[in-house]
Amino acid sequence: MEFKHRTALVTGAAQGIGEAVARALAARGAAVAALDANEERLGAVVADLKASDRRAAAHAADVADGRAVERVVDRVERELGPIELLVNVAGVLRVSPALSLSDEDWERTFAVNTTGVFNVGRAVARRMVPRRSGSIVTVGSNAARTPRMHMSAYAASKAAAAQWTKCLGLELAQHDIRCNVVSPGSTDTPMQRALWSDDCGAQAVIAGSPAAFKLGIPLNRIASTDDVAAAVLFLLSDQARHITMHDLCVDGGATLGA
């Protein structure tokens, strides 16, 4: 899976899965446009890539802001080249019982997790169509297919983003553009660790929780960000040239293939 002479845009690239994807693409020769709202952390990641002689650029923006996204995409195409690869990773998690969920939490969750995917996907795909080339991957969640306690907004937003990506894939297939989804389960990221109350958090996730109607992880391990990045790179690559509108679940069997 080599990506030399190809330009990739990765959202949510300042940490977690987005950072792992950006680093993996850069290591395989891609010029990486890294987008995130966390300007300080994003700058550190891109500086590290450049120190390793990778082609990378930082773009601080909120994916929920459609105009800002258009400006970033224009700049990337001018400075790094035509975007051939897009990975939507940017996301937020607001945990709350459904009946206690605030309007702000609901709206912000959808603004980033769903509208953000729409904003970036539309802006990039419009430029891919005339070139008849491109591959798009949206990082969703296994919560999009299996209900989770206190994660109603997150699960609903990820389900919407996944279905939008598949619909986009159907419309863009005639232009030789592929659109796929990678749905991770529990992954060792700052977002995941924020849910843990002590040093036993990882083991508790692996074991599952009958009280929360949550199964454990049959493979008996938490995913690393590199595990998810590997799945993303496969779907981006020419090795997956006949795969589109697919949702690849990377959760160690936690949802029993549901």
Protein backbone atom coordinates (compact mmCIF):
# COMPACT_ATOMS: atom_id res chain seq x y z
CA MET A 1 0.00 0.00 0.00
CA GLU A 2 2.08 2.87 -1.32
CA PHE A 3 0.68 6.37 -1.83
CA LYS A 4 3.58 8.20 -3.44
CA HIS A 5 2.71 11.32 -5.43
CA ARG A 6 -0.81 11.35 -3.98
CA THR A 7 -2.38 14.03 -1.80
CA ALA A 8 -4.50 13.07 1.21
CA LEU A 9 -6.72 15.19 3.43
CA VAL A 10 -7.22 13.81 6.93
CA THR A 11 -9.61 15.45 9.39
CA GLY A 12 -9.25 15.04 13.15
CA ALA A 13 -5.52 14.63 12.55
CA ALA A 14 -4.29 16.19 15.79
CA GLN A 15 -4.65 13.02 17.88
CA GLY A 16 -6.03 9.50 18.12
CA ILE A 17 -7.11 7.68 14.98
CA GLY A 18 -6.76 10.75 12.78
CA GLU A 19 -3.15 11.23 13.81
CA ALA A 20 -2.39 7.54 13.23
CA VAL A 21 -3.93 7.71 9.74
CA ALA A 22 -2.01 10.89 8.88
CA ARG A 23 1.27 9.36 10.04
CA ALA A 24 0.65 6.09 8.19
CA LEU A 25 -0.18 7.86 4.93
CA ALA A 26 2.86 10.13 5.22
CA ALA A 27 5.10 7.13 5.92
CA ARG A 28 3.87 5.57 2.67
CA GLY A 29 4.68 8.60 0.56
CA ALA A 30 1.48 10.66 0.54
CA ALA A 31 1.48 14.42 0.90
CA VAL A 32 -0.79 14.88 3.92
CA ALA A 33 -3.04 17.86 4.59
CA ALA A 34 -3.87 17.53 8.28
CA LEU A 35 -7.02 19.31 9.46
CA ASP A 36 -8.15 19.78 13.05
CA ALA A 37 -9.67 22.40 15.32
CA ASN A 38 -6.87 21.89 17.86
CA GLU A 39 -4.29 24.17 16.25
CA GLU A 40 -1.53 23.66 18.84
CA ARG A 41 -1.62 19.88 18.85
CA LEU A 42 -2.04 19.77 15.07
CA GLY A 43 1.04 21.93 14.61
CA ALA A 44 3.09 19.57 16.75
CA VAL A 45 2.02 16.53 14.72
CA VAL A 46 2.81 18.19 11.39
CA ALA A 47 6.13 19.53 12.66
CA ASP A 48 7.08 15.99 13.64
CA LEU A 49 6.15 14.68 10.19
CA LYS A 50 8.20 17.37 8.50
CA ALA A 51 11.16 16.59 10.75
CA SER A 52 11.03 13.08 9.29
CA ASP A 53 11.10 14.51 5.75
CA ARG A 54 7.42 13.87 5.15
CA ARG A 55 5.30 16.24 3.06
CA ALA A 56 2.62 17.61 5.35
CA ALA A 57 0.71 20.79 6.08
CA ALA A 58 -1.44 21.85 9.02
CA HIS A 59 -4.86 23.42 8.50
CA ALA A 60 -6.67 24.57 11.62
CA ALA A 61 -10.44 24.61 11.04
CA ASP A 62 -13.74 23.38 12.42
CA VAL A 63 -15.29 20.84 10.04
CA ALA A 64 -18.72 22.07 11.13
CA ASP A 65 -17.97 25.39 9.37
CA GLY A 66 -18.71 24.79 5.69
CA ARG A 67 -17.07 28.00 4.48
CA ALA A 68 -13.89 27.28 6.42
CA VAL A 69 -13.80 23.79 4.93
CA GLU A 70 -14.09 25.18 1.38
CA ARG A 71 -11.18 27.53 2.06
CA VAL A 72 -9.03 24.70 3.39
CA VAL A 73 -9.80 22.42 0.45
CA ASP A 74 -8.98 25.20 -2.03
CA ARG A 75 -5.69 25.87 -0.29
CA VAL A 76 -4.71 22.20 -0.13
CA GLU A 77 -5.31 21.75 -3.85
CA ARG A 78 -3.25 24.84 -4.65
CA GLU A 79 -0.34 24.04 -2.37
CA LEU A 80 -0.12 20.23 -2.17
CA GLY A 81 -1.99 19.12 -5.29
CA PRO A 82 -5.31 17.52 -6.22
CA ILE A 83 -6.83 15.63 -3.29
CA GLU A 84 -7.06 11.96 -4.24
CA LEU A 85 -7.59 10.56 -0.75
CA LEU A 86 -9.95 11.79 1.96
CA VAL A 87 -10.32 10.40 5.47
CA ASN A 88 -13.06 11.83 7.70
CA VAL A 89 -12.04 11.20 11.31
CA ALA A 90 -12.95 14.39 13.20
CA GLY A 91 -15.50 13.64 15.90
CA VAL A 92 -16.76 14.52 19.35
CA LEU A 93 -18.38 12.44 22.07
CA ARG A 94 -20.93 13.83 24.50
CA VAL A 95 -22.02 11.18 27.02
CA SER A 96 -25.42 11.55 28.69
CA PRO A 97 -28.65 9.63 29.30
CA ALA A 98 -30.93 10.31 26.34
CA LEU A 99 -33.51 12.15 28.44
CA SER A 100 -30.87 14.40 30.00
CA LEU A 101 -29.06 15.24 26.78
CA SER A 102 -28.89 19.00 26.26
CA ASP A 103 -29.79 20.75 23.02
CA GLU A 104 -26.20 21.99 22.77
CA ASP A 105 -24.71 18.52 23.18
CA TRP A 106 -27.03 17.06 20.53
CA GLU A 107 -26.41 19.89 18.07
CA ARG A 108 -22.63 19.96 18.52
CA THR A 109 -22.38 16.20 18.15
CA PHE A 110 -24.21 16.27 14.83
CA ALA A 111 -22.44 19.45 13.71
CA VAL A 112 -19.04 17.74 13.90
CA ASN A 113 -19.76 14.05 13.41
CA THR A 114 -22.36 14.33 10.65
CA THR A 115 -22.38 17.82 9.13
CA GLY A 116 -18.58 17.82 9.25
CA VAL A 117 -18.46 14.66 7.13
CA PHE A 118 -20.96 16.25 4.73
CA ASN A 119 -19.02 19.53 4.49
CA VAL A 120 -15.64 17.94 3.83
CA GLY A 121 -16.95 15.08 1.71
CA ARG A 122 -18.95 17.37 -0.56
CA ALA A 123 -16.12 19.89 -0.98
CA VAL A 124 -13.57 17.23 -1.89
CA ALA A 125 -15.87 15.05 -4.01
CA ARG A 126 -16.88 18.01 -6.17
CA ARG A 127 -13.24 18.32 -7.15
CA MET A 128 -12.72 14.57 -7.59
CA VAL A 129 -15.59 14.14 -10.04
CA PRO A 130 -14.04 16.00 -13.02
CA ARG A 131 -10.82 14.05 -12.47
CA ARG A 132 -12.71 10.72 -12.28
CA SER A 133 -10.48 9.53 -9.47
CA GLY A 134 -10.55 9.35 -5.70
CA SER A 135 -11.08 7.31 -2.58
CA ILE A 136 -12.98 8.45 0.53
CA VAL A 137 -13.13 6.73 3.91
CA THR A 138 -15.28 7.89 6.82
CA VAL A 139 -14.33 6.64 10.26
CA GLY A 140 -17.59 5.83 12.01
CA SER A 141 -18.21 3.64 15.05
CA ASN A 142 -19.63 0.24 15.89
CA ALA A 143 -22.09 2.24 18.03
CA ALA A 144 -23.78 3.15 14.74
CA ARG A 145 -25.01 -0.43 14.43
CA THR A 146 -25.43 -1.46 18.09
CA PRO A 147 -27.21 0.70 20.71
CA ARG A 148 -25.08 1.98 23.58
CA MET A 149 -26.18 3.32 26.94
CA HIS A 150 -25.69 7.11 27.29
CA MET A 151 -24.33 7.44 23.76
CA SER A 152 -27.52 8.18 21.81
CA ALA A 153 -26.30 11.38 20.13
CA TYR A 154 -22.93 9.89 19.23
CA ALA A 155 -24.42 6.66 17.88
CA ALA A 156 -27.09 8.46 15.86
CA SER A 157 -24.59 10.93 14.40
CA LYS A 158 -22.20 8.16 13.38
CA ALA A 159 -25.03 6.15 11.80
CA ALA A 160 -26.05 9.19 9.77
CA ALA A 161 -22.48 9.84 8.65
CA ALA A 162 -22.02 6.21 7.61
CA GLN A 163 -25.22 6.12 5.58
CA TRP A 164 -24.42 9.46 3.93
CA THR A 165 -21.01 8.11 2.93
CA LYS A 166 -22.60 5.01 1.38
CA CYS A 167 -25.13 7.12 -0.55
CA LEU A 168 -22.26 9.29 -1.77
CA GLY A 169 -20.47 6.14 -2.88
CA LEU A 170 -23.48 5.05 -4.90
CA GLU A 171 -23.67 8.38 -6.69
CA LEU A 172 -19.94 8.64 -7.32
CA ALA A 173 -19.36 5.08 -8.53
CA GLN A 174 -20.02 6.20 -12.12
CA HIS A 175 -17.08 8.58 -11.74
CA ASP A 176 -14.72 5.83 -10.51
CA ILE A 177 -14.68 7.26 -6.98
CA ARG A 178 -14.99 4.84 -4.05
CA CYS A 179 -16.53 5.68 -0.67
CA ASN A 180 -16.25 3.36 2.32
CA VAL A 181 -16.64 3.35 6.09
CA VAL A 182 -14.43 1.96 8.86
CA SER A 183 -16.29 1.41 12.12
CA PRO A 184 -13.97 0.97 15.11
CA GLY A 185 -15.00 -0.34 18.49
CA SER A 186 -13.18 0.64 21.68
CA THR A 187 -9.80 2.04 20.65
CA ASP A 188 -7.00 3.39 22.83
CA THR A 189 -7.51 7.11 22.16
CA PRO A 190 -7.90 10.19 24.36
CA MET A 191 -11.66 10.00 23.69
CA GLN A 192 -11.78 6.42 24.99
CA ARG A 193 -9.58 7.12 28.01
CA ALA A 194 -11.85 10.00 29.01
CA LEU A 195 -14.53 7.38 29.72
CA TRP A 196 -12.32 5.44 32.14
CA SER A 197 -12.52 6.17 35.85
CA ASP A 198 -9.30 4.37 36.87
CA ASP A 199 -6.34 2.34 35.62
CA CYS A 200 -8.60 -0.68 35.14
CA GLY A 201 -10.61 1.04 32.41
CA ALA A 202 -9.21 -1.00 29.54
CA GLN A 203 -9.85 -4.31 31.28
CA ALA A 204 -13.40 -3.24 32.11
CA VAL A 205 -14.08 -2.54 28.44
CA ILE A 206 -12.63 -5.90 27.42
CA ALA A 207 -14.79 -7.69 30.02
CA GLY A 208 -18.01 -5.90 29.06
CA SER A 209 -20.84 -4.77 31.31
CA PRO A 210 -24.09 -6.74 31.65
CA ALA A 211 -25.65 -3.81 33.55
CA ALA A 212 -25.09 -1.59 30.50
CA PHE A 213 -26.06 -4.36 28.05
CA LYS A 214 -22.57 -4.17 26.60
CA LEU A 215 -20.70 -7.24 25.42
CA GLY A 216 -16.98 -7.58 25.98
CA ILE A 217 -14.34 -7.96 23.30
CA PRO A 218 -13.84 -11.58 22.16
CA LEU A 219 -10.30 -10.91 20.94
CA ASN A 220 -9.50 -9.83 24.51
CA ARG A 221 -7.75 -6.58 23.66
CA ILE A 222 -8.43 -2.91 23.04
CA ALA A 223 -7.69 -1.79 19.50
CA SER A 224 -4.71 0.44 18.89
CA THR A 225 -5.04 3.44 16.62
CA ASP A 226 -2.70 1.65 14.21
CA ASP A 227 -5.19 -1.22 13.94
CA VAL A 228 -7.83 1.20 12.70
CA ALA A 229 -5.40 3.10 10.47
CA ALA A 230 -4.43 -0.16 8.74
CA ALA A 231 -8.06 -0.80 7.82
CA VAL A 232 -8.43 2.76 6.55
CA LEU A 233 -5.32 2.53 4.38
CA PHE A 234 -6.48 -0.76 2.89
CA LEU A 235 -9.79 0.76 1.79
CA LEU A 236 -8.02 3.84 0.42
CA SER A 237 -5.58 1.76 -1.56
CA ASP A 238 -5.74 0.17 -4.99
CA GLN A 239 -5.87 -3.20 -3.23
CA ALA A 240 -9.51 -2.33 -2.51
CA ARG A 241 -10.21 -1.01 -6.00
CA HIS A 242 -13.39 -3.10 -6.32
CA ILE A 243 -14.78 -2.22 -2.88
CA THR A 244 -17.18 0.65 -2.36
CA MET A 245 -20.11 1.41 -0.03
CA HIS A 246 -18.64 -1.08 2.44
CA ASP A 247 -18.61 -0.71 6.24
CA LEU A 248 -15.62 -2.51 7.76
CA CYS A 249 -16.05 -3.11 11.49
CA VAL A 250 -12.80 -3.12 13.49
CA ASP A 251 -13.91 -3.97 17.02
CA GLY A 252 -12.37 -7.32 17.96
CA GLY A 253 -15.78 -8.96 17.66
CA ALA A 254 -17.44 -6.71 20.28
CA THR A 255 -20.68 -6.42 18.30
CA LEU A 256 -20.65 -10.08 17.21
CA GLY A 257 -20.71 -9.05 13.56
CA ALA A 258 -24.02 -7.22 13.96
